[in-house]
N, C-alpha and C. Protein backbone atom coordinates (compact mmCIF):
# COMPACT_ATOMS: atom_id res chain seq x y z
N MET A 1 18.81 -14.48 3.39
CA MET A 1 17.64 -15.20 3.73
C MET A 1 17.67 -16.08 4.94
N PRO A 2 16.84 -15.68 5.96
CA PRO A 2 17.13 -16.55 7.24
C PRO A 2 16.64 -18.09 6.90
N PRO A 3 17.25 -18.90 7.63
CA PRO A 3 16.81 -20.33 7.61
C PRO A 3 15.48 -20.77 8.03
N GLY A 4 14.84 -21.88 7.56
CA GLY A 4 13.76 -22.48 8.09
C GLY A 4 12.58 -21.58 8.62
N ASP A 5 12.34 -21.80 9.97
CA ASP A 5 11.32 -21.25 10.73
C ASP A 5 11.30 -19.67 10.61
N GLU A 6 12.41 -19.07 10.59
CA GLU A 6 12.55 -17.73 10.65
C GLU A 6 12.40 -17.20 9.21
N ARG A 7 12.57 -17.86 8.24
CA ARG A 7 12.26 -17.33 6.86
C ARG A 7 10.72 -17.37 6.75
N THR A 8 10.15 -18.58 7.23
CA THR A 8 8.70 -18.73 6.89
C THR A 8 7.84 -17.68 7.73
N GLU A 9 8.25 -17.20 8.89
CA GLU A 9 7.84 -16.20 9.65
C GLU A 9 7.91 -14.96 8.90
N ALA A 10 9.23 -14.62 8.44
CA ALA A 10 9.50 -13.45 7.58
C ALA A 10 8.53 -13.11 6.45
N MET A 11 8.41 -14.39 5.80
CA MET A 11 7.53 -14.28 4.57
C MET A 11 6.05 -14.05 4.80
N GLN A 12 5.64 -14.58 6.09
CA GLN A 12 4.12 -14.49 6.50
C GLN A 12 3.85 -13.08 6.75
N GLU A 13 5.03 -12.44 7.46
CA GLU A 13 4.96 -10.75 7.75
C GLU A 13 4.91 -10.01 6.47
N VAL A 14 5.63 -10.40 5.55
CA VAL A 14 5.66 -9.83 4.24
C VAL A 14 4.34 -9.85 3.51
N THR A 15 3.78 -10.96 3.51
CA THR A 15 2.41 -11.19 2.95
C THR A 15 1.27 -10.51 3.63
N ILE A 16 1.39 -10.24 5.10
CA ILE A 16 0.56 -9.53 5.66
C ILE A 16 0.42 -8.11 5.49
N LEU A 17 1.75 -7.60 5.24
CA LEU A 17 2.00 -6.23 4.97
C LEU A 17 1.37 -5.77 3.41
N GLU A 18 1.74 -6.78 2.61
CA GLU A 18 1.38 -6.43 1.11
C GLU A 18 -0.17 -6.57 1.09
N ASN A 19 -1.03 -7.37 1.83
CA ASN A 19 -2.28 -7.14 2.01
C ASN A 19 -2.86 -6.22 2.60
N ALA A 20 -2.22 -5.68 3.60
CA ALA A 20 -2.78 -4.31 4.18
C ALA A 20 -2.58 -3.29 3.32
N ALA A 21 -1.36 -3.20 2.53
CA ALA A 21 -1.27 -2.18 1.66
C ALA A 21 -2.27 -2.17 0.51
N GLU A 22 -2.55 -3.43 0.03
CA GLU A 22 -3.59 -3.32 -1.05
C GLU A 22 -4.88 -2.96 -0.68
N MET A 23 -5.18 -3.53 0.65
CA MET A 23 -6.64 -2.92 1.27
C MET A 23 -6.79 -1.68 1.50
N PHE A 24 -5.44 -0.99 1.99
CA PHE A 24 -5.52 0.48 2.06
C PHE A 24 -5.73 1.28 0.78
N GLY A 25 -5.14 0.74 -0.35
CA GLY A 25 -5.35 1.30 -1.63
C GLY A 25 -6.79 1.04 -2.21
N HIS A 26 -7.46 0.03 -1.99
CA HIS A 26 -8.66 -0.20 -2.13
C HIS A 26 -9.74 0.76 -1.51
N LEU A 27 -9.40 1.18 -0.25
CA LEU A 27 -10.24 2.16 0.70
C LEU A 27 -9.90 3.48 0.07
N GLY A 28 -9.08 3.71 -0.89
CA GLY A 28 -8.87 5.06 -1.31
C GLY A 28 -7.72 5.88 -0.79
N GLY A 29 -6.83 5.20 0.02
CA GLY A 29 -5.66 5.69 0.43
C GLY A 29 -4.52 5.84 -0.45
N GLU A 30 -3.30 6.44 -0.07
CA GLU A 30 -2.35 6.22 -0.80
C GLU A 30 -1.53 5.16 -0.97
N ASP A 31 -0.85 4.74 -1.98
CA ASP A 31 0.07 3.64 -2.00
C ASP A 31 1.35 3.76 -1.13
N ALA A 32 2.08 2.88 -1.05
CA ALA A 32 3.30 2.83 -0.32
C ALA A 32 4.28 3.78 -0.85
N ARG A 33 4.15 4.10 -2.15
CA ARG A 33 5.20 5.12 -2.64
C ARG A 33 4.42 6.70 -2.50
N GLY A 34 3.43 6.71 -1.81
CA GLY A 34 2.90 8.02 -1.55
C GLY A 34 2.21 8.65 -2.83
N LEU A 35 1.68 7.68 -3.80
CA LEU A 35 0.99 8.17 -4.84
C LEU A 35 -0.56 7.98 -4.49
N ALA A 36 -1.28 8.90 -5.14
CA ALA A 36 -2.77 8.89 -5.05
C ALA A 36 -3.25 7.68 -6.04
N PRO A 37 -4.54 7.19 -5.64
CA PRO A 37 -5.08 6.20 -6.60
C PRO A 37 -5.26 6.70 -7.92
N ALA A 38 -4.98 5.61 -9.09
CA ALA A 38 -5.01 6.08 -10.43
C ALA A 38 -6.41 6.80 -10.72
N SER A 39 -7.57 6.63 -9.94
CA SER A 39 -8.72 7.22 -10.41
C SER A 39 -8.72 8.71 -10.01
N GLU A 40 -7.94 9.20 -9.19
CA GLU A 40 -7.86 10.56 -8.94
C GLU A 40 -6.76 11.27 -9.56
N SER A 41 -7.18 12.18 -10.27
CA SER A 41 -6.09 13.12 -11.14
C SER A 41 -5.61 13.99 -10.33
N SER A 42 -4.48 14.40 -10.79
CA SER A 42 -3.57 15.41 -9.82
C SER A 42 -4.26 16.66 -10.09
N ALA A 43 -5.11 17.20 -10.94
CA ALA A 43 -5.76 18.20 -11.20
C ALA A 43 -6.96 18.53 -10.14
N SER A 44 -7.58 17.34 -9.56
CA SER A 44 -8.51 17.24 -8.83
C SER A 44 -8.03 17.47 -7.17
N ARG A 45 -6.71 17.10 -7.06
CA ARG A 45 -6.19 17.27 -5.70
C ARG A 45 -5.63 18.58 -5.59
N THR A 46 -5.55 19.45 -6.71
CA THR A 46 -5.03 20.71 -6.54
C THR A 46 -5.91 21.84 -6.62
N LYS A 47 -7.08 21.50 -7.01
CA LYS A 47 -8.13 22.51 -7.03
C LYS A 47 -8.41 23.03 -5.68
N PRO A 48 -8.49 24.44 -5.57
CA PRO A 48 -8.95 25.04 -4.36
C PRO A 48 -10.32 24.75 -3.84
N GLY A 49 -10.57 24.63 -2.55
CA GLY A 49 -11.96 24.33 -2.12
C GLY A 49 -12.15 23.09 -2.07
N LYS A 50 -11.38 22.08 -2.53
CA LYS A 50 -11.75 20.59 -2.64
C LYS A 50 -11.16 19.87 -1.31
């Protein structure tokens, strides 16, 4: 882990990225692992014409 100010800056960047990923998930996007939101079943994603 970098010392002092470098560590602080790195942790702030991590927090920003975590918040962005969470917001993306709330907006119906896939999470960082590429998984669809829990409310969307795999069957509904594979139906033709959808």
